[in-house]
PDB file of N, CA and C in Angstrom:
ATOM      1  N   MET A   1       0.842  -1.168   0.000  1.00  0.00           N
ATOM      2  CA  MET A   1       0.000   0.000   0.000  1.00  0.00           C
ATOM      3  C   MET A   1       0.890   1.236   0.000  1.00  0.00           C
ATOM      4  N   SER A   2       0.542   2.211  -0.813  1.00  0.00           N
ATOM      5  CA  SER A   2       1.357   3.415  -0.893  1.00  0.00           C
ATOM      6  C   SER A   2       1.160   4.278   0.348  1.00  0.00           C
ATOM      7  N   ALA A   3       2.086   5.210   0.540  1.00  0.00           N
ATOM      8  CA  ALA A   3       2.065   6.046   1.742  1.00  0.00           C
ATOM      9  C   ALA A   3       0.836   6.948   1.793  1.00  0.00           C
ATOM     10  N   GLY A   4       0.292   7.336   0.651  1.00  0.00           N
ATOM     11  CA  GLY A   4      -0.838   8.247   0.624  1.00  0.00           C
ATOM     12  C   GLY A   4      -2.194   7.582   0.700  1.00  0.00           C
ATOM     13  N   ARG A   5      -2.258   6.287   0.516  1.00  0.00           N
ATOM     14  CA  ARG A   5      -3.548   5.582   0.533  1.00  0.00           C
ATOM     15  C   ARG A   5      -3.901   5.109   1.925  1.00  0.00           C
ATOM     16  N   ARG A   6      -5.169   5.253   2.246  1.00  0.00           N
ATOM     17  CA  ARG A   6      -5.674   4.766   3.530  1.00  0.00           C
ATOM     18  C   ARG A   6      -6.486   3.504   3.286  1.00  0.00           C
ATOM     19  N   PRO A   7      -6.508   2.591   4.255  1.00  0.00           N
ATOM     20  CA  PRO A   7      -7.339   1.398   4.102  1.00  0.00           C
ATOM     21  C   PRO A   7      -8.810   1.780   3.948  1.00  0.00           C
ATOM     22  N   GLY A   8      -9.543   0.957   3.235  1.00  0.00           N
ATOM     23  CA  GLY A   8     -10.946   1.239   2.966  1.00  0.00           C
ATOM     24  C   GLY A   8     -11.791   1.412   4.212  1.00  0.00           C
ATOM     25  N   ILE A   9     -11.511   0.629   5.249  1.00  0.00           N
ATOM     26  CA  ILE A   9     -12.307   0.743   6.473  1.00  0.00           C
ATOM     27  C   ILE A   9     -12.076   2.084   7.164  1.00  0.00           C
ATOM     28  N   VAL A  10     -10.876   2.634   7.039  1.00  0.00           N
ATOM     29  CA  VAL A  10     -10.590   3.949   7.630  1.00  0.00           C
ATOM     30  C   VAL A  10     -11.368   5.024   6.883  1.00  0.00           C
ATOM     31  N   VAL A  11     -11.380   4.942   5.570  1.00  0.00           N
ATOM     32  CA  VAL A  11     -12.135   5.903   4.760  1.00  0.00           C
ATOM     33  C   VAL A  11     -13.617   5.812   5.112  1.00  0.00           C
ATOM     34  N   TRP A  12     -14.133   4.593   5.188  1.00  0.00           N
ATOM     35  CA  TRP A  12     -15.542   4.373   5.522  1.00  0.00           C
ATOM     36  C   TRP A  12     -15.872   4.963   6.891  1.00  0.00           C
ATOM     37  N   TRP A  13     -15.034   4.676   7.892  1.00  0.00           N
ATOM     38  CA  TRP A  13     -15.279   5.153   9.252  1.00  0.00           C
ATOM     39  C   TRP A  13     -15.247   6.679   9.317  1.00  0.00           C
ATOM     40  N   GLU A  14     -14.266   7.296   8.672  1.00  0.00           N
ATOM     41  CA  GLU A  14     -14.149   8.752   8.727  1.00  0.00           C
ATOM     42  C   GLU A  14     -15.299   9.456   8.020  1.00  0.00           C
ATOM     43  N   GLU A  15     -15.885   8.814   7.030  1.00  0.00           N
ATOM     44  CA  GLU A  15     -16.971   9.443   6.285  1.00  0.00           C
ATOM     45  C   GLU A  15     -18.334   9.274   6.954  1.00  0.00           C
ATOM     46  N   LEU A  16     -18.428   8.421   7.977  1.00  0.00           N
ATOM     47  CA  LEU A  16     -19.696   8.271   8.687  1.00  0.00           C
ATOM     48  C   LEU A  16     -20.042   9.561   9.420  1.00  0.00           C
ATOM     49  N   PRO A  17     -21.336   9.892   9.506  1.00  0.00           N
ATOM     50  CA  PRO A  17     -21.726  11.059  10.311  1.00  0.00           C
ATOM     51  C   PRO A  17     -21.371  10.836  11.781  1.00  0.00           C
ATOM     52  N   ILE A  18     -21.166  11.914  12.502  1.00  0.00           N
ATOM     53  CA  ILE A  18     -20.731  11.821  13.892  1.00  0.00           C
ATOM     54  C   ILE A  18     -21.737  11.052  14.749  1.00  0.00           C
ATOM     55  N   GLY A  19     -23.022  11.221  14.478  1.00  0.00           N
ATOM     56  CA  GLY A  19     -24.045  10.505  15.243  1.00  0.00           C
ATOM     57  C   GLY A  19     -23.948   9.000  15.074  1.00  0.00           C
ATOM     58  N   VAL A  20     -23.675   8.555  13.866  1.00  0.00           N
ATOM     59  CA  VAL A  20     -23.530   7.118  13.604  1.00  0.00           C
ATOM     60  C   VAL A  20     -22.285   6.582  14.301  1.00  0.00           C
ATOM     61  N   GLN A  21     -21.210   7.346  14.281  1.00  0.00           N
ATOM     62  CA  GLN A  21     -19.997   6.918  14.987  1.00  0.00           C
ATOM     63  C   GLN A  21     -20.259   6.770  16.481  1.00  0.00           C
ATOM     64  N   ILE A  22     -21.008   7.700  17.056  1.00  0.00           N
ATOM     65  CA  ILE A  22     -21.325   7.621  18.482  1.00  0.00           C
ATOM     66  C   ILE A  22     -22.217   6.423  18.771  1.00  0.00           C
ATOM     67  N   ILE A  23     -23.244   6.224  17.956  1.00  0.00           N
ATOM     68  CA  ILE A  23     -24.166   5.100  18.159  1.00  0.00           C
ATOM     69  C   ILE A  23     -23.434   3.768  18.040  1.00  0.00           C
ATOM     70  N   PHE A  24     -22.452   3.691  17.187  1.00  0.00           N
ATOM     71  CA  PHE A  24     -21.679   2.457  17.024  1.00  0.00           C
ATOM     72  C   PHE A  24     -20.673   2.276  18.159  1.00  0.00           C
ATOM     73  N   THR A  25     -19.977   3.336  18.526  1.00  0.00           N
ATOM     74  CA  THR A  25     -18.867   3.241  19.475  1.00  0.00           C
ATOM     75  C   THR A  25     -19.322   3.106  20.921  1.00  0.00           C
ATOM     76  N   LEU A  26     -20.327   3.859  21.330  1.00  0.00           N
ATOM     77  CA  LEU A  26     -20.726   3.884  22.738  1.00  0.00           C
ATOM     78  C   LEU A  26     -21.138   2.512  23.280  1.00  0.00           C
ATOM     79  N   PRO A  27     -22.063   1.793  22.640  1.00  0.00           N
ATOM     80  CA  PRO A  27     -22.424   0.483  23.201  1.00  0.00           C
ATOM     81  C   PRO A  27     -21.265  -0.508  23.195  1.00  0.00           C
ATOM     82  N   LEU A  28     -20.452  -0.448  22.162  1.00  0.00           N
ATOM     83  CA  LEU A  28     -19.300  -1.344  22.094  1.00  0.00           C
ATOM     84  C   LEU A  28     -18.310  -1.041  23.220  1.00  0.00           C
ATOM     85  N   ALA A  29     -18.026   0.232  23.436  1.00  0.00           N
ATOM     86  CA  ALA A  29     -17.093   0.619  24.497  1.00  0.00           C
ATOM     87  C   ALA A  29     -17.649   0.264  25.874  1.00  0.00           C
ATOM     88  N   VAL A  30     -18.934   0.533  26.100  1.00  0.00           N
ATOM     89  CA  VAL A  30     -19.534   0.202  27.394  1.00  0.00           C
ATOM     90  C   VAL A  30     -19.489  -1.303  27.624  1.00  0.00           C
ATOM     91  N   GLY A  31     -19.812  -2.078  26.604  1.00  0.00           N
ATOM     92  CA  GLY A  31     -19.774  -3.535  26.749  1.00  0.00           C
ATOM     93  C   GLY A  31     -18.383  -4.064  27.054  1.00  0.00           C
ATOM     94  N   LEU A  32     -17.399  -3.540  26.367  1.00  0.00           N
ATOM     95  CA  LEU A  32     -16.028  -3.987  26.616  1.00  0.00           C
ATOM     96  C   LEU A  32     -15.537  -3.564  27.996  1.00  0.00           C
ATOM     97  N   PHE A  33     -15.852  -2.332  28.387  1.00  0.00           N
ATOM     98  CA  PHE A  33     -15.436  -1.884  29.718  1.00  0.00           C
ATOM     99  C   PHE A  33     -16.195  -2.617  30.820  1.00  0.00           C
ATOM    100  N   TRP A  34     -17.462  -2.964  30.569  1.00  0.00           N
ATOM    101  CA  TRP A  34     -18.199  -3.732  31.567  1.00  0.00           C
ATOM    102  C   TRP A  34     -17.540  -5.098  31.765  1.00  0.00           C
ATOM    103  N   ALA A  35     -17.220  -5.766  30.664  1.00  0.00           N
ATOM    104  CA  ALA A  35     -16.571  -7.080  30.771  1.00  0.00           C
ATOM    105  C   ALA A  35     -15.222  -6.962  31.481  1.00  0.00           C
ATOM    106  N   LEU A  36     -14.475  -5.923  31.181  1.00  0.00           N
ATOM    107  CA  LEU A  36     -13.184  -5.721  31.842  1.00  0.00           C
ATOM    108  C   LEU A  36     -13.356  -5.544  33.351  1.00  0.00           C
ATOM    109  N   HIS A  37     -14.300  -4.693  33.747  1.00  0.00           N
ATOM    110  CA  HIS A  37     -14.495  -4.444  35.172  1.00  0.00           C
ATOM    111  C   HIS A  37     -15.131  -5.641  35.879  1.00  0.00           C
ATOM    112  N   ARG A  38     -16.055  -6.319  35.211  1.00  0.00           N
ATOM    113  CA  ARG A  38     -16.748  -7.440  35.856  1.00  0.00           C
ATOM    114  C   ARG A  38     -15.840  -8.653  35.990  1.00  0.00           C
ATOM    115  N   TYR A  39     -15.190  -9.033  34.901  1.00  0.00           N
ATOM    116  CA  TYR A  39     -14.408 -10.269  34.909  1.00  0.00           C
ATOM    117  C   TYR A  39     -12.917 -10.025  35.149  1.00  0.00           C
ATOM    118  N   GLY A  40     -12.405  -8.935  34.633  1.00  0.00           N
ATOM    119  CA  GLY A  40     -10.986  -8.643  34.823  1.00  0.00           C
ATOM    120  C   GLY A  40     -10.660  -8.169  36.229  1.00  0.00           C
ATOM    121  N   PHE A  41     -11.536  -7.305  36.765  1.00  0.00           N
ATOM    122  CA  PHE A  41     -11.302  -6.747  38.100  1.00  0.00           C
ATOM    123  C   PHE A  41     -12.184  -7.384  39.165  1.00  0.00           C
ATOM    124  N   ASN A  42     -13.093  -8.277  38.740  1.00  0.00           N
ATOM    125  CA  ASN A  42     -13.975  -9.020  39.644  1.00  0.00           C
ATOM    126  C   ASN A  42     -14.822  -8.088  40.515  1.00  0.00           C
ATOM    127  N   LEU A  43     -15.349  -7.022  39.908  1.00  0.00           N
ATOM    128  CA  LEU A  43     -16.211  -6.088  40.625  1.00  0.00           C
ATOM    129  C   LEU A  43     -17.660  -6.557  40.546  1.00  0.00           C
ATOM    130  N   PRO A  44     -18.509  -6.116  41.470  1.00  0.00           N
ATOM    131  CA  PRO A  44     -19.934  -6.449  41.382  1.00  0.00           C
ATOM    132  C   PRO A  44     -20.539  -5.898  40.087  1.00  0.00           C
ATOM    133  N   THR A  45     -21.618  -6.529  39.641  1.00  0.00           N
ATOM    134  CA  THR A  45     -22.226  -6.177  38.355  1.00  0.00           C
ATOM    135  C   THR A  45     -22.650  -4.710  38.296  1.00  0.00           C
ATOM    136  N   GLY A  46     -23.318  -4.224  39.332  1.00  0.00           N
ATOM    137  CA  GLY A  46     -23.779  -2.833  39.336  1.00  0.00           C
ATOM    138  C   GLY A  46     -22.640  -1.838  39.263  1.00  0.00           C
ATOM    139  N   ARG A  47     -21.614  -2.058  40.035  1.00  0.00           N
ATOM    140  CA  ARG A  47     -20.456  -1.165  40.015  1.00  0.00           C
ATOM    141  C   ARG A  47     -19.748  -1.253  38.662  1.00  0.00           C
ATOM    142  N   SER A  48     -19.716  -2.452  38.081  1.00  0.00           N
ATOM    143  CA  SER A  48     -19.108  -2.615  36.756  1.00  0.00           C
ATOM    144  C   SER A  48     -19.849  -1.793  35.714  1.00  0.00           C
ATOM    145  N   PHE A  49     -21.196  -1.776  35.781  1.00  0.00           N
ATOM    146  CA  PHE A  49     -21.975  -0.964  34.845  1.00  0.00           C
ATOM    147  C   PHE A  49     -21.703   0.527  35.045  1.00  0.00           C
ATOM    148  N   THR A  50     -21.563   0.950  36.285  1.00  0.00           N
ATOM    149  CA  THR A  50     -21.281   2.360  36.554  1.00  0.00           C
ATOM    150  C   THR A  50     -19.934   2.772  35.957  1.00  0.00           C
ATOM    151  N   TYR A  51     -18.915   1.992  36.247  1.00  0.00           N
ATOM    152  CA  TYR A  51     -17.591   2.300  35.702  1.00  0.00           C
ATOM    153  C   TYR A  51     -17.581   2.186  34.176  1.00  0.00           C
ATOM    154  N   ALA A  52     -18.269   1.173  33.659  1.00  0.00           N
ATOM    155  CA  ALA A  52     -18.311   0.984  32.207  1.00  0.00           C
ATOM    156  C   ALA A  52     -19.003   2.156  31.522  1.00  0.00           C
ATOM    157  N   GLY A  53     -20.064   2.665  32.134  1.00  0.00           N
ATOM    158  CA  GLY A  53     -20.745   3.826  31.563  1.00  0.00           C
ATOM    159  C   GLY A  53     -19.836   5.042  31.512  1.00  0.00           C
ATOM    160  N   PHE A  54     -19.126   5.279  32.607  1.00  0.00           N
ATOM    161  CA  PHE A  54     -18.213   6.421  32.648  1.00  0.00           C
ATOM    162  C   PHE A  54     -17.104   6.276  31.615  1.00  0.00           C
ATOM    163  N   TRP A  55     -16.384   5.162  31.661  1.00  0.00           N
ATOM    164  CA  TRP A  55     -15.250   4.982  30.752  1.00  0.00           C
ATOM    165  C   TRP A  55     -15.706   4.788  29.309  1.00  0.00           C
ATOM    166  N   GLY A  56     -16.909   4.253  29.112  1.00  0.00           N
ATOM    167  CA  GLY A  56     -17.449   4.140  27.758  1.00  0.00           C
ATOM    168  C   GLY A  56     -17.688   5.499  27.132  1.00  0.00           C
ATOM    169  N   LEU A  57     -18.220   6.438  27.940  1.00  0.00           N
ATOM    170  CA  LEU A  57     -18.409   7.806  27.445  1.00  0.00           C
ATOM    171  C   LEU A  57     -17.073   8.470  27.123  1.00  0.00           C
ATOM    172  N   VAL A  58     -16.108   8.300  28.009  1.00  0.00           N
ATOM    173  CA  VAL A  58     -14.780   8.885  27.778  1.00  0.00           C
ATOM    174  C   VAL A  58     -14.159   8.304  26.506  1.00  0.00           C
ATOM    175  N   ALA A  59     -14.207   6.983  26.365  1.00  0.00           N
ATOM    176  CA  ALA A  59     -13.614   6.334  25.189  1.00  0.00           C
ATOM    177  C   ALA A  59     -14.313   6.774  23.907  1.00  0.00           C
ATOM    178  N   THR A  60     -15.635   6.892  23.946  1.00  0.00           N
ATOM    179  CA  THR A  60     -16.381   7.336  22.769  1.00  0.00           C
ATOM    180  C   THR A  60     -15.976   8.752  22.385  1.00  0.00           C
ATOM    181  N   PHE A  61     -15.869   9.631  23.366  1.00  0.00           N
ATOM    182  CA  PHE A  61     -15.446  11.006  23.105  1.00  0.00           C
ATOM    183  C   PHE A  61     -14.055  11.036  22.475  1.00  0.00           C
ATOM    184  N   VAL A  62     -13.143  10.246  23.003  1.00  0.00           N
ATOM    185  CA  VAL A  62     -11.767  10.224  22.488  1.00  0.00           C
ATOM    186  C   VAL A  62     -11.728   9.657  21.070  1.00  0.00           C
ATOM    187  N   ILE A  63     -12.413   8.552  20.830  1.00  0.00           N
ATOM    188  CA  ILE A  63     -12.382   7.908  19.513  1.00  0.00           C
ATOM    189  C   ILE A  63     -13.015   8.796  18.454  1.00  0.00           C
ATOM    190  N   VAL A  64     -14.213   9.297  18.725  1.00  0.00           N
ATOM    191  CA  VAL A  64     -14.903  10.131  17.738  1.00  0.00           C
ATOM    192  C   VAL A  64     -14.169  11.465  17.561  1.00  0.00           C
ATOM    193  N   GLY A  65     -13.693  12.033  18.644  1.00  0.00           N
ATOM    194  CA  GLY A  65     -12.953  13.293  18.544  1.00  0.00           C
ATOM    195  C   GLY A  65     -11.668  13.161  17.756  1.00  0.00           C
ATOM    196  N   SER A  66     -10.930  12.089  17.996  1.00  0.00           N
ATOM    197  CA  SER A  66      -9.675  11.903  17.259  1.00  0.00           C
ATOM    198  C   SER A  66      -9.939  11.583  15.792  1.00  0.00           C
ATOM    199  N   THR A  67     -11.036  10.890  15.517  1.00  0.00           N
ATOM    200  CA  THR A  67     -11.404  10.633  14.122  1.00  0.00           C
ATOM    201  C   THR A  67     -11.674  11.942  13.400  1.00  0.00           C
ATOM    202  N   ARG A  68     -12.422  12.831  14.035  1.00  0.00           N
ATOM    203  CA  ARG A  68     -12.730  14.129  13.429  1.00  0.00           C
ATOM    204  C   ARG A  68     -11.462  14.963  13.229  1.00  0.00           C
ATOM    205  N   ALA A  69     -10.573  14.918  14.197  1.00  0.00           N
ATOM    206  CA  ALA A  69      -9.331  15.691  14.090  1.00  0.00           C
ATOM    207  C   ALA A  69      -8.462  15.175  12.943  1.00  0.00           C
ATOM    208  N   GLU A  70      -8.331  13.863  12.821  1.00  0.00           N
ATOM    209  CA  GLU A  70      -7.530  13.293  11.731  1.00  0.00           C
ATOM    210  C   GLU A  70      -8.151  13.605  10.374  1.00  0.00           C
ATOM    211  N   ARG A  71      -9.461  13.508  10.293  1.00  0.00           N
ATOM    212  CA  ARG A  71     -10.146  13.811   9.037  1.00  0.00           C
ATOM    213  C   ARG A  71      -9.924  15.275   8.649  1.00  0.00           C
ATOM    214  N   ALA A  72     -10.041  16.175   9.617  1.00  0.00           N
ATOM    215  CA  ALA A  72      -9.825  17.600   9.344  1.00  0.00           C
ATOM    216  C   ALA A  72      -8.384  17.862   8.928  1.00  0.00           C
ATOM    217  N   LYS A  73      -7.432  17.186   9.584  1.00  0.00           N
ATOM    218  CA  LYS A  73      -6.020  17.365   9.241  1.00  0.00           C
ATOM    219  C   LYS A  73      -5.752  16.904   7.813  1.00  0.00           C
ATOM    220  N   ARG A  74      -6.288  15.757   7.441  1.00  0.00           N
ATOM    221  CA  ARG A  74      -6.078  15.260   6.075  1.00  0.00           C
ATOM    222  C   ARG A  74      -6.695  16.190   5.044  1.00  0.00           C
ATOM    223  N   ARG A  75      -7.889  16.680   5.323  1.00  0.00           N
ATOM    224  CA  ARG A  75      -8.538  17.594   4.384  1.00  0.00           C
ATOM    225  C   ARG A  75      -7.769  18.906   4.278  1.00  0.00           C
ATOM    226  N   HIS A  76      -7.244  19.382   5.392  1.00  0.00           N
ATOM    227  CA  HIS A  76      -6.464  20.619   5.387  1.00  0.00           C
ATOM    228  C   HIS A  76      -5.221  20.465   4.512  1.00  0.00           C
ATOM    229  N   PHE A  77      -4.492  19.364   4.700  1.00  0.00           N
ATOM    230  CA  PHE A  77      -3.281  19.157   3.917  1.00  0.00           C
ATOM    231  C   PHE A  77      -3.597  18.820   2.466  1.00  0.00           C
ATOM    232  N   ALA A  78      -4.726  18.174   2.213  1.00  0.00           N
ATOM    233  CA  ALA A  78      -5.112  17.902   0.832  1.00  0.00           C
ATOM    234  C   ALA A  78      -5.407  19.211   0.109  1.00  0.00           C
ATOM    235  N   THR A  79      -6.031  20.146   0.793  1.00  0.00           N
ATOM    236  CA  THR A  79      -6.305  21.457   0.209  1.00  0.00           C
ATOM    237  C   THR A  79      -5.009  22.216  -0.035  1.00  0.00           C
ATOM    238  N   LYS A  80      -4.094  22.164   0.936  1.00  0.00           N
ATOM    239  CA  LYS A  80      -2.802  22.835   0.756  1.00  0.00           C
ATOM    240  C   LYS A  80      -2.015  22.204  -0.383  1.00  0.00           C
ATOM    241  N   ASP A  81      -2.001  20.868  -0.453  1.00  0.00           N
ATOM    242  CA  ASP A  81      -1.268  20.190  -1.518  1.00  0.00           C
ATOM    243  C   ASP A  81      -1.869  20.496  -2.882  1.00  0.00           C
ATOM    244  N   ALA A  82      -3.184  20.623  -2.949  1.00  0.00           N
ATOM    245  CA  ALA A  82      -3.837  20.910  -4.217  1.00  0.00           C
ATOM    246  C   ALA A  82      -3.509  22.314  -4.706  1.00  0.00           C
ATOM    247  N   THR A  83      -3.228  23.219  -3.786  1.00  0.00           N
ATOM    248  CA  THR A  83      -2.888  24.584  -4.184  1.00  0.00           C
ATOM    249  C   THR A  83      -1.392  24.774  -4.377  1.00  0.00           C
ATOM    250  N   GLY A  84      -0.620  23.707  -4.174  1.00  0.00           N
ATOM    251  CA  GLY A  84       0.809  23.775  -4.398  1.00  0.00           C
ATOM    252  C   GLY A  84       1.614  24.221  -3.199  1.00  0.00           C
ATOM    253  N   ALA A  85       0.993  24.320  -2.041  1.00  0.00           N
ATOM    254  CA  ALA A  85       1.719  24.748  -0.838  1.00  0.00           C
ATOM    255  C   ALA A  85       2.622  23.623  -0.346  1.00  0.00           C
ATOM    256  N   ASP A  86       3.692  24.004   0.333  1.00  0.00           N
ATOM    257  CA  ASP A  86       4.616  23.022   0.898  1.00  0.00           C
ATOM    258  C   ASP A  86       4.033  22.410   2.156  1.00  0.00           C
ATOM    259  N   ARG A  87       4.378  21.154   2.387  1.00  0.00           N
ATOM    260  CA  ARG A  87       4.002  20.502   3.643  1.00  0.00           C
ATOM    261  C   ARG A  87       5.082  20.817   4.656  1.00  0.00           C
ATOM    262  N   ARG A  88       4.725  21.405   5.749  1.00  0.00           N
ATOM    263  CA  ARG A  88       5.698  21.852   6.732  1.00  0.00           C
ATOM    264  C   ARG A  88       5.790  20.953   7.951  1.00  0.00           C
ATOM    265  N   ASP A  89       4.905  19.979   8.072  1.00  0.00           N
ATOM    266  CA  ASP A  89       4.939  19.140   9.269  1.00  0.00           C
ATOM    267  C   ASP A  89       5.858  17.935   9.127  1.00  0.00           C
ATOM    268  N   GLY A  90       6.443  17.719   7.983  1.00  0.00           N
ATOM    269  CA  GLY A  90       7.351  16.595   7.781  1.00  0.00           C
ATOM    270  C   GLY A  90       6.645  15.274   7.574  1.00  0.00           C
ATOM    271  N   ASP A  91       5.321  15.285   7.536  1.00  0.00           N
ATOM    272  CA  ASP A  91       4.538  14.061   7.366  1.00  0.00           C
ATOM    273  C   ASP A  91       4.388  13.791   5.878  1.00  0.00           C
ATOM    274  N   SER A  92       4.883  12.649   5.449  1.00  0.00           N
ATOM    275  CA  SER A  92       4.807  12.333   4.023  1.00  0.00           C
ATOM    276  C   SER A  92       3.565  11.542   3.689  1.00  0.00           C
ATOM    277  N   GLY A  93       2.762  11.144   4.677  1.00  0.00           N
ATOM    278  CA  GLY A  93       1.600  10.311   4.417  1.00  0.00           C
ATOM    279  C   GLY A  93       0.382  11.015   4.683  1.00  0.00           C
TER     280      GLY A  93
END
């Protein structure tokens, strides 16, 4: 794969509306964090749900926010490259 090409799943994920990304990420993150707290840390079920809800929200915010930031960065540099401007960040990809 060339340095400028992104995998298809990355393109698909970045092009999803923010609401769809949240709807997809939040339940998955809560479920994974619940399993981690319940079975990994051996916490009671109710406390595991509380912690999973908190960390699921944090993880969703981080994942969706970083996706938006990367998408904006790529679009910014694509616009600069299209106008012939130099890339100053040293990133070749």
